Amino acid sequence: MATAKKAPAKKAAPVKAAPAKAAPAKRTPNAAFMKPMTPSATLAAVIGNKPMPRTEVTKKVWEYIKKNKLQDAANKRMINADAKLKEIFKKPQVSMFEMTKLISGHLS
């Protein structure tokens, strides 16, 4: 019978400390998001009529929703439309993800 020879044990390589990382670069916003958009008349009734970036439009709509307590109590992802929002959404309740899609149709 042939016996297998064991390979000599290898020494573990010394663990090198990871080089210190420089602070991550500040993210620059996408120019398309920052371009001022003009709201339609129905959307202007909620957020005002001056041109603003999409990000600001979304913030203003959320401020309106929270101020008027339009977020559904049972499912916080759903928005209950009041008279002004019903003109924008075209239905009594929408999800927060659907809301941004519907609002973008009112921006030019």
PDB file of N, CA and C in Angstrom:
ATOM      1  N   MET A   1       0.806  -1.194   0.000  1.00  0.00           N
ATOM      2  CA  MET A   1       0.000   0.000   0.000  1.00  0.00           C
ATOM      3  C   MET A   1       0.845   1.253   0.000  1.00  0.00           C
ATOM      4  N   ALA A   2       0.390   2.222  -0.816  1.00  0.00           N
ATOM      5  CA  ALA A   2       1.115   3.493  -0.884  1.00  0.00           C
ATOM      6  C   ALA A   2       0.530   4.448   0.151  1.00  0.00           C
ATOM      7  N   THR A   3       1.407   5.114   0.848  1.00  0.00           N
ATOM      8  CA  THR A   3       0.924   6.082   1.831  1.00  0.00           C
ATOM      9  C   THR A   3       1.062   7.487   1.273  1.00  0.00           C
ATOM     10  N   ALA A   4       0.049   8.283   1.547  1.00  0.00           N
ATOM     11  CA  ALA A   4       0.068   9.666   1.050  1.00  0.00           C
ATOM     12  C   ALA A   4       0.890  10.507   2.004  1.00  0.00           C
ATOM     13  N   LYS A   5       1.710  11.360   1.416  1.00  0.00           N
ATOM     14  CA  LYS A   5       2.523  12.256   2.227  1.00  0.00           C
ATOM     15  C   LYS A   5       1.727  13.522   2.489  1.00  0.00           C
ATOM     16  N   LYS A   6       1.806  13.997   3.701  1.00  0.00           N
ATOM     17  CA  LYS A   6       1.113  15.241   4.023  1.00  0.00           C
ATOM     18  C   LYS A   6       1.985  16.403   3.595  1.00  0.00           C
ATOM     19  N   ALA A   7       1.297  17.427   3.033  1.00  0.00           N
ATOM     20  CA  ALA A   7       2.032  18.631   2.655  1.00  0.00           C
ATOM     21  C   ALA A   7       2.360  19.410   3.924  1.00  0.00           C
ATOM     22  N   PRO A   8       3.508  20.047   3.963  1.00  0.00           N
ATOM     23  CA  PRO A   8       3.848  20.812   5.166  1.00  0.00           C
ATOM     24  C   PRO A   8       2.840  21.951   5.361  1.00  0.00           C
ATOM     25  N   ALA A   9       2.494  22.231   6.587  1.00  0.00           N
ATOM     26  CA  ALA A   9       1.519  23.288   6.891  1.00  0.00           C
ATOM     27  C   ALA A   9       2.083  24.638   6.465  1.00  0.00           C
ATOM     28  N   LYS A  10       1.222  25.440   5.815  1.00  0.00           N
ATOM     29  CA  LYS A  10       1.656  26.765   5.367  1.00  0.00           C
ATOM     30  C   LYS A  10       1.399  27.780   6.470  1.00  0.00           C
ATOM     31  N   LYS A  11       2.278  28.732   6.561  1.00  0.00           N
ATOM     32  CA  LYS A  11       2.081  29.794   7.537  1.00  0.00           C
ATOM     33  C   LYS A  11       1.071  30.782   6.962  1.00  0.00           C
ATOM     34  N   ALA A  12       0.203  31.294   7.814  1.00  0.00           N
ATOM     35  CA  ALA A  12      -0.791  32.278   7.369  1.00  0.00           C
ATOM     36  C   ALA A  12      -0.075  33.576   7.022  1.00  0.00           C
ATOM     37  N   ALA A  13      -0.506  34.176   5.909  1.00  0.00           N
ATOM     38  CA  ALA A  13       0.094  35.445   5.502  1.00  0.00           C
ATOM     39  C   ALA A  13      -0.293  36.506   6.526  1.00  0.00           C
ATOM     40  N   PRO A  14       0.615  37.415   6.846  1.00  0.00           N
ATOM     41  CA  PRO A  14       0.268  38.456   7.814  1.00  0.00           C
ATOM     42  C   PRO A  14      -0.899  39.304   7.280  1.00  0.00           C
ATOM     43  N   VAL A  15      -1.818  39.601   8.157  1.00  0.00           N
ATOM     44  CA  VAL A  15      -2.997  40.386   7.756  1.00  0.00           C
ATOM     45  C   VAL A  15      -2.599  41.850   7.711  1.00  0.00           C
ATOM     46  N   LYS A  16      -2.808  42.449   6.540  1.00  0.00           N
ATOM     47  CA  LYS A  16      -2.463  43.862   6.388  1.00  0.00           C
ATOM     48  C   LYS A  16      -3.675  44.707   6.739  1.00  0.00           C
ATOM     49  N   ALA A  17      -3.450  45.799   7.393  1.00  0.00           N
ATOM     50  CA  ALA A  17      -4.546  46.711   7.729  1.00  0.00           C
ATOM     51  C   ALA A  17      -5.022  47.379   6.442  1.00  0.00           C
ATOM     52  N   ALA A  18      -6.319  47.507   6.311  1.00  0.00           N
ATOM     53  CA  ALA A  18      -6.870  48.161   5.117  1.00  0.00           C
ATOM     54  C   ALA A  18      -6.456  49.621   5.130  1.00  0.00           C
ATOM     55  N   PRO A  19      -6.065  50.148   3.978  1.00  0.00           N
ATOM     56  CA  PRO A  19      -5.663  51.554   3.952  1.00  0.00           C
ATOM     57  C   PRO A  19      -6.874  52.441   4.294  1.00  0.00           C
ATOM     58  N   ALA A  20      -6.609  53.519   4.987  1.00  0.00           N
ATOM     59  CA  ALA A  20      -7.688  54.429   5.388  1.00  0.00           C
ATOM     60  C   ALA A  20      -8.343  55.004   4.129  1.00  0.00           C
ATOM     61  N   LYS A  21      -9.661  54.920   4.082  1.00  0.00           N
ATOM     62  CA  LYS A  21     -10.382  55.430   2.905  1.00  0.00           C
ATOM     63  C   LYS A  21     -10.607  56.919   3.059  1.00  0.00           C
ATOM     64  N   ALA A  22     -10.508  57.614   1.950  1.00  0.00           N
ATOM     65  CA  ALA A  22     -10.795  59.043   1.964  1.00  0.00           C
ATOM     66  C   ALA A  22     -12.302  59.214   2.098  1.00  0.00           C
ATOM     67  N   ALA A  23     -12.734  60.350   2.585  1.00  0.00           N
ATOM     68  CA  ALA A  23     -14.171  60.615   2.743  1.00  0.00           C
ATOM     69  C   ALA A  23     -14.838  60.496   1.377  1.00  0.00           C
ATOM     70  N   PRO A  24     -16.014  59.837   1.310  1.00  0.00           N
ATOM     71  CA  PRO A  24     -16.679  59.687   0.010  1.00  0.00           C
ATOM     72  C   PRO A  24     -17.051  61.046  -0.574  1.00  0.00           C
ATOM     73  N   ALA A  25     -16.974  61.128  -1.890  1.00  0.00           N
ATOM     74  CA  ALA A  25     -17.288  62.383  -2.565  1.00  0.00           C
ATOM     75  C   ALA A  25     -18.764  62.704  -2.387  1.00  0.00           C
ATOM     76  N   LYS A  26     -19.078  63.966  -2.254  1.00  0.00           N
ATOM     77  CA  LYS A  26     -20.468  64.402  -2.086  1.00  0.00           C
ATOM     78  C   LYS A  26     -21.214  64.100  -3.369  1.00  0.00           C
ATOM     79  N   ARG A  27     -22.413  63.491  -3.236  1.00  0.00           N
ATOM     80  CA  ARG A  27     -23.224  63.165  -4.419  1.00  0.00           C
ATOM     81  C   ARG A  27     -23.760  64.440  -5.034  1.00  0.00           C
ATOM     82  N   THR A  28     -23.644  64.527  -6.334  1.00  0.00           N
ATOM     83  CA  THR A  28     -24.228  65.677  -7.007  1.00  0.00           C
ATOM     84  C   THR A  28     -25.588  65.269  -7.539  1.00  0.00           C
ATOM     85  N   PRO A  29     -26.611  66.110  -7.347  1.00  0.00           N
ATOM     86  CA  PRO A  29     -27.946  65.748  -7.814  1.00  0.00           C
ATOM     87  C   PRO A  29     -28.020  65.700  -9.332  1.00  0.00           C
ATOM     88  N   ASN A  30     -28.849  64.820  -9.826  1.00  0.00           N
ATOM     89  CA  ASN A  30     -29.055  64.687 -11.259  1.00  0.00           C
ATOM     90  C   ASN A  30     -29.689  65.975 -11.780  1.00  0.00           C
ATOM     91  N   ALA A  31     -29.155  66.515 -12.857  1.00  0.00           N
ATOM     92  CA  ALA A  31     -29.643  67.777 -13.406  1.00  0.00           C
ATOM     93  C   ALA A  31     -31.116  67.694 -13.801  1.00  0.00           C
ATOM     94  N   ALA A  32     -31.574  66.528 -14.235  1.00  0.00           N
ATOM     95  CA  ALA A  32     -32.979  66.382 -14.644  1.00  0.00           C
ATOM     96  C   ALA A  32     -33.915  66.569 -13.449  1.00  0.00           C
ATOM     97  N   PHE A  33     -33.496  66.141 -12.262  1.00  0.00           N
ATOM     98  CA  PHE A  33     -34.333  66.311 -11.071  1.00  0.00           C
ATOM     99  C   PHE A  33     -34.345  67.759 -10.599  1.00  0.00           C
ATOM    100  N   MET A  34     -33.277  68.477 -10.871  1.00  0.00           N
ATOM    101  CA  MET A  34     -33.157  69.835 -10.351  1.00  0.00           C
ATOM    102  C   MET A  34     -33.703  70.898 -11.302  1.00  0.00           C
ATOM    103  N   LYS A  35     -34.108  70.504 -12.499  1.00  0.00           N
ATOM    104  CA  LYS A  35     -34.650  71.457 -13.470  1.00  0.00           C
ATOM    105  C   LYS A  35     -36.021  71.946 -12.984  1.00  0.00           C
ATOM    106  N   PRO A  36     -36.216  73.259 -12.882  1.00  0.00           N
ATOM    107  CA  PRO A  36     -37.519  73.771 -12.429  1.00  0.00           C
ATOM    108  C   PRO A  36     -38.634  73.396 -13.412  1.00  0.00           C
ATOM    109  N   MET A  37     -39.712  72.853 -12.854  1.00  0.00           N
ATOM    110  CA  MET A  37     -40.866  72.441 -13.648  1.00  0.00           C
ATOM    111  C   MET A  37     -42.054  73.321 -13.262  1.00  0.00           C
ATOM    112  N   THR A  38     -42.905  73.623 -14.229  1.00  0.00           N
ATOM    113  CA  THR A  38     -44.083  74.442 -13.971  1.00  0.00           C
ATOM    114  C   THR A  38     -45.277  73.533 -13.687  1.00  0.00           C
ATOM    115  N   PRO A  39     -45.931  73.695 -12.525  1.00  0.00           N
ATOM    116  CA  PRO A  39     -47.082  72.851 -12.205  1.00  0.00           C
ATOM    117  C   PRO A  39     -48.332  73.284 -12.973  1.00  0.00           C
ATOM    118  N   SER A  40     -49.227  72.317 -13.231  1.00  0.00           N
ATOM    119  CA  SER A  40     -50.498  72.635 -13.878  1.00  0.00           C
ATOM    120  C   SER A  40     -51.352  73.431 -12.887  1.00  0.00           C
ATOM    121  N   ALA A  41     -52.465  73.972 -13.355  1.00  0.00           N
ATOM    122  CA  ALA A  41     -53.339  74.778 -12.497  1.00  0.00           C
ATOM    123  C   ALA A  41     -53.880  73.953 -11.324  1.00  0.00           C
ATOM    124  N   THR A  42     -54.240  72.691 -11.578  1.00  0.00           N
ATOM    125  CA  THR A  42     -54.783  71.863 -10.498  1.00  0.00           C
ATOM    126  C   THR A  42     -53.723  71.535  -9.455  1.00  0.00           C
ATOM    127  N   LEU A  43     -52.488  71.289  -9.889  1.00  0.00           N
ATOM    128  CA  LEU A  43     -51.396  71.009  -8.955  1.00  0.00           C
ATOM    129  C   LEU A  43     -50.975  72.294  -8.235  1.00  0.00           C
ATOM    130  N   ALA A  44     -51.053  73.416  -8.927  1.00  0.00           N
ATOM    131  CA  ALA A  44     -50.680  74.701  -8.328  1.00  0.00           C
ATOM    132  C   ALA A  44     -51.602  75.040  -7.155  1.00  0.00           C
ATOM    133  N   ALA A  45     -52.833  74.550  -7.174  1.00  0.00           N
ATOM    134  CA  ALA A  45     -53.757  74.786  -6.065  1.00  0.00           C
ATOM    135  C   ALA A  45     -53.257  74.128  -4.779  1.00  0.00           C
ATOM    136  N   VAL A  46     -52.418  73.106  -4.910  1.00  0.00           N
ATOM    137  CA  VAL A  46     -51.889  72.391  -3.752  1.00  0.00           C
ATOM    138  C   VAL A  46     -50.524  72.930  -3.340  1.00  0.00           C
ATOM    139  N   ILE A  47     -49.628  73.158  -4.304  1.00  0.00           N
ATOM    140  CA  ILE A  47     -48.227  73.484  -3.973  1.00  0.00           C
ATOM    141  C   ILE A  47     -47.805  74.915  -4.304  1.00  0.00           C
ATOM    142  N   GLY A  48     -48.635  75.666  -4.989  1.00  0.00           N
ATOM    143  CA  GLY A  48     -48.233  76.998  -5.427  1.00  0.00           C
ATOM    144  C   GLY A  48     -47.873  76.970  -6.897  1.00  0.00           C
ATOM    145  N   ASN A  49     -47.849  78.136  -7.522  1.00  0.00           N
ATOM    146  CA  ASN A  49     -47.693  78.151  -8.983  1.00  0.00           C
ATOM    147  C   ASN A  49     -46.301  78.503  -9.485  1.00  0.00           C
ATOM    148  N   LYS A  50     -45.316  78.690  -8.610  1.00  0.00           N
ATOM    149  CA  LYS A  50     -43.985  79.020  -9.131  1.00  0.00           C
ATOM    150  C   LYS A  50     -43.226  77.750  -9.524  1.00  0.00           C
ATOM    151  N   PRO A  51     -42.392  77.816 -10.564  1.00  0.00           N
ATOM    152  CA  PRO A  51     -41.635  76.643 -11.007  1.00  0.00           C
ATOM    153  C   PRO A  51     -40.686  76.155  -9.916  1.00  0.00           C
ATOM    154  N   MET A  52     -40.607  74.837  -9.754  1.00  0.00           N
ATOM    155  CA  MET A  52     -39.695  74.238  -8.777  1.00  0.00           C
ATOM    156  C   MET A  52     -39.279  72.855  -9.258  1.00  0.00           C
ATOM    157  N   PRO A  53     -38.138  72.353  -8.759  1.00  0.00           N
ATOM    158  CA  PRO A  53     -37.677  71.009  -9.158  1.00  0.00           C
ATOM    159  C   PRO A  53     -38.644  69.923  -8.690  1.00  0.00           C
ATOM    160  N   ARG A  54     -38.588  68.771  -9.350  1.00  0.00           N
ATOM    161  CA  ARG A  54     -39.462  67.641  -8.999  1.00  0.00           C
ATOM    162  C   ARG A  54     -39.332  67.256  -7.526  1.00  0.00           C
ATOM    163  N   THR A  55     -38.118  67.315  -7.004  1.00  0.00           N
ATOM    164  CA  THR A  55     -37.907  66.945  -5.609  1.00  0.00           C
ATOM    165  C   THR A  55     -38.697  67.866  -4.678  1.00  0.00           C
ATOM    166  N   GLU A  56     -38.704  69.156  -4.982  1.00  0.00           N
ATOM    167  CA  GLU A  56     -39.448  70.121  -4.168  1.00  0.00           C
ATOM    168  C   GLU A  56     -40.948  69.910  -4.306  1.00  0.00           C
ATOM    169  N   VAL A  57     -41.401  69.578  -5.516  1.00  0.00           N
ATOM    170  CA  VAL A  57     -42.825  69.324  -5.751  1.00  0.00           C
ATOM    171  C   VAL A  57     -43.283  68.176  -4.849  1.00  0.00           C
ATOM    172  N   THR A  58     -42.507  67.097  -4.815  1.00  0.00           N
ATOM    173  CA  THR A  58     -42.853  65.944  -3.990  1.00  0.00           C
ATOM    174  C   THR A  58     -42.882  66.331  -2.514  1.00  0.00           C
ATOM    175  N   LYS A  59     -41.899  67.122  -2.071  1.00  0.00           N
ATOM    176  CA  LYS A  59     -41.871  67.568  -0.677  1.00  0.00           C
ATOM    177  C   LYS A  59     -43.112  68.387  -0.338  1.00  0.00           C
ATOM    178  N   LYS A  60     -43.489  69.296  -1.226  1.00  0.00           N
ATOM    179  CA  LYS A  60     -44.652  70.165  -0.980  1.00  0.00           C
ATOM    180  C   LYS A  60     -45.944  69.350  -0.921  1.00  0.00           C
ATOM    181  N   VAL A  61     -46.077  68.360  -1.799  1.00  0.00           N
ATOM    182  CA  VAL A  61     -47.276  67.517  -1.797  1.00  0.00           C
ATOM    183  C   VAL A  61     -47.337  66.733  -0.488  1.00  0.00           C
ATOM    184  N   TRP A  62     -46.195  66.216  -0.027  1.00  0.00           N
ATOM    185  CA  TRP A  62     -46.180  65.480   1.241  1.00  0.00           C
ATOM    186  C   TRP A  62     -46.521  66.400   2.403  1.00  0.00           C
ATOM    187  N   GLU A  63     -46.037  67.643   2.381  1.00  0.00           N
ATOM    188  CA  GLU A  63     -46.391  68.604   3.431  1.00  0.00           C
ATOM    189  C   GLU A  63     -47.906  68.801   3.464  1.00  0.00           C
ATOM    190  N   TYR A  64     -48.513  68.931   2.289  1.00  0.00           N
ATOM    191  CA  TYR A  64     -49.962  69.104   2.183  1.00  0.00           C
ATOM    192  C   TYR A  64     -50.686  67.873   2.733  1.00  0.00           C
ATOM    193  N   ILE A  65     -50.219  66.692   2.373  1.00  0.00           N
ATOM    194  CA  ILE A  65     -50.847  65.441   2.821  1.00  0.00           C
ATOM    195  C   ILE A  65     -50.779  65.324   4.344  1.00  0.00           C
ATOM    196  N   LYS A  66     -49.620  65.613   4.925  1.00  0.00           N
ATOM    197  CA  LYS A  66     -49.460  65.493   6.378  1.00  0.00           C
ATOM    198  C   LYS A  66     -50.239  66.576   7.116  1.00  0.00           C
ATOM    199  N   LYS A  67     -50.241  67.803   6.570  1.00  0.00           N
ATOM    200  CA  LYS A  67     -50.960  68.909   7.212  1.00  0.00           C
ATOM    201  C   LYS A  67     -52.457  68.610   7.274  1.00  0.00           C
ATOM    202  N   ASN A  68     -52.998  68.009   6.216  1.00  0.00           N
ATOM    203  CA  ASN A  68     -54.429  67.717   6.142  1.00  0.00           C
ATOM    204  C   ASN A  68     -54.771  66.292   6.575  1.00  0.00           C
ATOM    205  N   LYS A  69     -53.779  65.564   7.118  1.00  0.00           N
ATOM    206  CA  LYS A  69     -53.968  64.187   7.616  1.00  0.00           C
ATOM    207  C   LYS A  69     -54.651  63.290   6.585  1.00  0.00           C
ATOM    208  N   LEU A  70     -54.074  63.239   5.379  1.00  0.00           N
ATOM    209  CA  LEU A  70     -54.649  62.459   4.287  1.00  0.00           C
ATOM    210  C   LEU A  70     -54.018  61.082   4.136  1.00  0.00           C
ATOM    211  N   GLN A  71     -53.019  60.766   4.951  1.00  0.00           N
ATOM    212  CA  GLN A  71     -52.399  59.445   4.894  1.00  0.00           C
ATOM    213  C   GLN A  71     -53.346  58.463   5.581  1.00  0.00           C
ATOM    214  N   ASP A  72     -53.590  57.322   4.947  1.00  0.00           N
ATOM    215  CA  ASP A  72     -54.505  56.325   5.496  1.00  0.00           C
ATOM    216  C   ASP A  72     -53.966  55.820   6.838  1.00  0.00           C
ATOM    217  N   ALA A  73     -54.832  55.752   7.853  1.00  0.00           N
ATOM    218  CA  ALA A  73     -54.401  55.357   9.196  1.00  0.00           C
ATOM    219  C   ALA A  73     -53.993  53.885   9.257  1.00  0.00           C
ATOM    220  N   ALA A  74     -54.713  53.024   8.557  1.00  0.00           N
ATOM    221  CA  ALA A  74     -54.420  51.587   8.599  1.00  0.00           C
ATOM    222  C   ALA A  74     -53.215  51.226   7.748  1.00  0.00           C
ATOM    223  N   ASN A  75     -53.111  51.798   6.542  1.00  0.00           N
ATOM    224  CA  ASN A  75     -52.022  51.496   5.624  1.00  0.00           C
ATOM    225  C   ASN A  75     -51.357  52.813   5.234  1.00  0.00           C
ATOM    226  N   LYS A  76     -50.243  53.127   5.873  1.00  0.00           N
ATOM    227  CA  LYS A  76     -49.577  54.423   5.684  1.00  0.00           C
ATOM    228  C   LYS A  76     -49.072  54.653   4.262  1.00  0.00           C
ATOM    229  N   ARG A  77     -49.023  53.597   3.445  1.00  0.00           N
ATOM    230  CA  ARG A  77     -48.572  53.761   2.065  1.00  0.00           C
ATOM    231  C   ARG A  77     -49.659  54.320   1.159  1.00  0.00           C
ATOM    232  N   MET A  78     -50.879  54.364   1.655  1.00  0.00           N
ATOM    233  CA  MET A  78     -52.001  54.852   0.849  1.00  0.00           C
ATOM    234  C   MET A  78     -52.331  56.296   1.215  1.00  0.00           C
ATOM    235  N   ILE A  79     -52.676  57.077   0.190  1.00  0.00           N
ATOM    236  CA  ILE A  79     -53.041  58.475   0.365  1.00  0.00           C
ATOM    237  C   ILE A  79     -54.518  58.618   0.028  1.00  0.00           C
ATOM    238  N   ASN A  80     -55.299  59.175   0.951  1.00  0.00           N
ATOM    239  CA  ASN A  80     -56.714  59.447   0.707  1.00  0.00           C
ATOM    240  C   ASN A  80     -56.817  60.836   0.097  1.00  0.00           C
ATOM    241  N   ALA A  81     -57.423  60.945  -1.054  1.00  0.00           N
ATOM    242  CA  ALA A  81     -57.493  62.222  -1.760  1.00  0.00           C
ATOM    243  C   ALA A  81     -58.641  63.076  -1.232  1.00  0.00           C
ATOM    244  N   ASP A  82     -58.351  64.367  -0.995  1.00  0.00           N
ATOM    245  CA  ASP A  82     -59.419  65.316  -0.696  1.00  0.00           C
ATOM    246  C   ASP A  82     -59.854  65.921  -2.027  1.00  0.00           C
ATOM    247  N   ALA A  83     -60.666  66.955  -2.014  1.00  0.00           N
ATOM    248  CA  ALA A  83     -61.203  67.532  -3.257  1.00  0.00           C
ATOM    249  C   ALA A  83     -60.087  67.997  -4.204  1.00  0.00           C
ATOM    250  N   LYS A  84     -59.047  68.654  -3.663  1.00  0.00           N
ATOM    251  CA  LYS A  84     -57.963  69.162  -4.513  1.00  0.00           C
ATOM    252  C   LYS A  84     -57.142  68.016  -5.114  1.00  0.00           C
ATOM    253  N   LEU A  85     -56.811  67.023  -4.287  1.00  0.00           N
ATOM    254  CA  LEU A  85     -55.988  65.919  -4.776  1.00  0.00           C
ATOM    255  C   LEU A  85     -56.770  64.984  -5.697  1.00  0.00           C
ATOM    256  N   LYS A  86     -58.069  64.915  -5.512  1.00  0.00           N
ATOM    257  CA  LYS A  86     -58.885  64.040  -6.362  1.00  0.00           C
ATOM    258  C   LYS A  86     -58.824  64.514  -7.814  1.00  0.00           C
ATOM    259  N   GLU A  87     -58.697  65.835  -8.028  1.00  0.00           N
ATOM    260  CA  GLU A  87     -58.567  66.360  -9.393  1.00  0.00           C
ATOM    261  C   GLU A  87     -57.248  65.929 -10.025  1.00  0.00           C
ATOM    262  N   ILE A  88     -56.223  65.753  -9.222  1.00  0.00           N
ATOM    263  CA  ILE A  88     -54.912  65.335  -9.722  1.00  0.00           C
ATOM    264  C   ILE A  88     -54.868  63.824  -9.907  1.00  0.00           C
ATOM    265  N   PHE A  89     -55.333  63.069  -8.876  1.00  0.00           N
ATOM    266  CA  PHE A  89     -55.238  61.614  -8.893  1.00  0.00           C
ATOM    267  C   PHE A  89     -56.333  60.937  -9.713  1.00  0.00           C
ATOM    268  N   LYS A  90     -57.481  61.568  -9.838  1.00  0.00           N
ATOM    269  CA  LYS A  90     -58.642  61.021 -10.569  1.00  0.00           C
ATOM    270  C   LYS A  90     -59.257  59.799  -9.882  1.00  0.00           C
ATOM    271  N   LYS A  91     -58.909  59.543  -8.608  1.00  0.00           N
ATOM    272  CA  LYS A  91     -59.535  58.475  -7.833  1.00  0.00           C
ATOM    273  C   LYS A  91     -59.420  58.810  -6.349  1.00  0.00           C
ATOM    274  N   PRO A  92     -60.221  58.164  -5.506  1.00  0.00           N
ATOM    275  CA  PRO A  92     -60.257  58.538  -4.086  1.00  0.00           C
ATOM    276  C   PRO A  92     -59.034  58.139  -3.265  1.00  0.00           C
ATOM    277  N   GLN A  93     -58.281  57.126  -3.709  1.00  0.00           N
ATOM    278  CA  GLN A  93     -57.118  56.681  -2.946  1.00  0.00           C
ATOM    279  C   GLN A  93     -56.037  56.162  -3.889  1.00  0.00           C
ATOM    280  N   VAL A  94     -54.778  56.548  -3.619  1.00  0.00           N
ATOM    281  CA  VAL A  94     -53.643  56.074  -4.416  1.00  0.00           C
ATOM    282  C   VAL A  94     -52.511  55.665  -3.475  1.00  0.00           C
ATOM    283  N   SER A  95     -51.590  54.839  -3.989  1.00  0.00           N
ATOM    284  CA  SER A  95     -50.416  54.484  -3.184  1.00  0.00           C
ATOM    285  C   SER A  95     -49.383  55.600  -3.340  1.00  0.00           C
ATOM    286  N   MET A  96     -48.465  55.673  -2.400  1.00  0.00           N
ATOM    287  CA  MET A  96     -47.455  56.738  -2.457  1.00  0.00           C
ATOM    288  C   MET A  96     -46.560  56.598  -3.683  1.00  0.00           C
ATOM    289  N   PHE A  97     -46.411  55.384  -4.195  1.00  0.00           N
ATOM    290  CA  PHE A  97     -45.574  55.174  -5.374  1.00  0.00           C
ATOM    291  C   PHE A  97     -46.310  55.614  -6.635  1.00  0.00           C
ATOM    292  N   GLU A  98     -47.593  55.365  -6.668  1.00  0.00           N
ATOM    293  CA  GLU A  98     -48.427  55.775  -7.802  1.00  0.00           C
ATOM    294  C   GLU A  98     -48.578  57.301  -7.819  1.00  0.00           C
ATOM    295  N   MET A  99     -48.557  57.910  -6.629  1.00  0.00           N
ATOM    296  CA  MET A  99     -48.730  59.351  -6.498  1.00  0.00           C
ATOM    297  C   MET A  99     -47.694  60.124  -7.311  1.00  0.00           C
ATOM    298  N   THR A 100     -46.424  59.753  -7.221  1.00  0.00           N
ATOM    299  CA  THR A 100     -45.379  60.484  -7.947  1.00  0.00           C
ATOM    300  C   THR A 100     -45.580  60.375  -9.454  1.00  0.00           C
ATOM    301  N   LYS A 101     -46.041  59.223  -9.911  1.00  0.00           N
ATOM    302  CA  LYS A 101     -46.305  59.039 -11.340  1.00  0.00           C
ATOM    303  C   LYS A 101     -47.445  59.954 -11.795  1.00  0.00           C
ATOM    304  N   LEU A 102     -48.496  60.036 -10.989  1.00  0.00           N
ATOM    305  CA  LEU A 102     -49.637  60.876 -11.343  1.00  0.00           C
ATOM    306  C   LEU A 102     -49.287  62.360 -11.294  1.00  0.00           C
ATOM    307  N   ILE A 103     -48.441  62.731 -10.351  1.00  0.00           N
ATOM    308  CA  ILE A 103     -48.043  64.144 -10.224  1.00  0.00           C
ATOM    309  C   ILE A 103     -47.181  64.555 -11.424  1.00  0.00           C
ATOM    310  N   SER A 104     -46.319  63.671 -11.908  1.00  0.00           N
ATOM    311  CA  SER A 104     -45.432  64.035 -13.010  1.00  0.00           C
ATOM    312  C   SER A 104     -46.216  64.403 -14.264  1.00  0.00           C
ATOM    313  N   GLY A 105     -47.431  63.895 -14.393  1.00  0.00           N
ATOM    314  CA  GLY A 105     -48.276  64.281 -15.528  1.00  0.00           C
ATOM    315  C   GLY A 105     -48.772  65.709 -15.434  1.00  0.00           C
ATOM    316  N   HIS A 106     -48.640  66.324 -14.261  1.00  0.00           N
ATOM    317  CA  HIS A 106     -49.092  67.700 -14.059  1.00  0.00           C
ATOM    318  C   HIS A 106     -47.922  68.685 -14.045  1.00  0.00           C
ATOM    319  N   LEU A 107     -46.747  68.240 -14.482  1.00  0.00           N
ATOM    320  CA  LEU A 107     -45.575  69.118 -14.545  1.00  0.00           C
ATOM    321  C   LEU A 107     -45.140  69.289 -15.995  1.00  0.00           C
ATOM    322  N   SER A 108     -44.737  70.490 -16.334  1.00  0.00           N
ATOM    323  CA  SER A 108     -44.219  70.730 -17.687  1.00  0.00           C
ATOM    324  C   SER A 108     -43.015  71.639 -17.640  1.00  0.00           C
TER     325      SER A 108
END
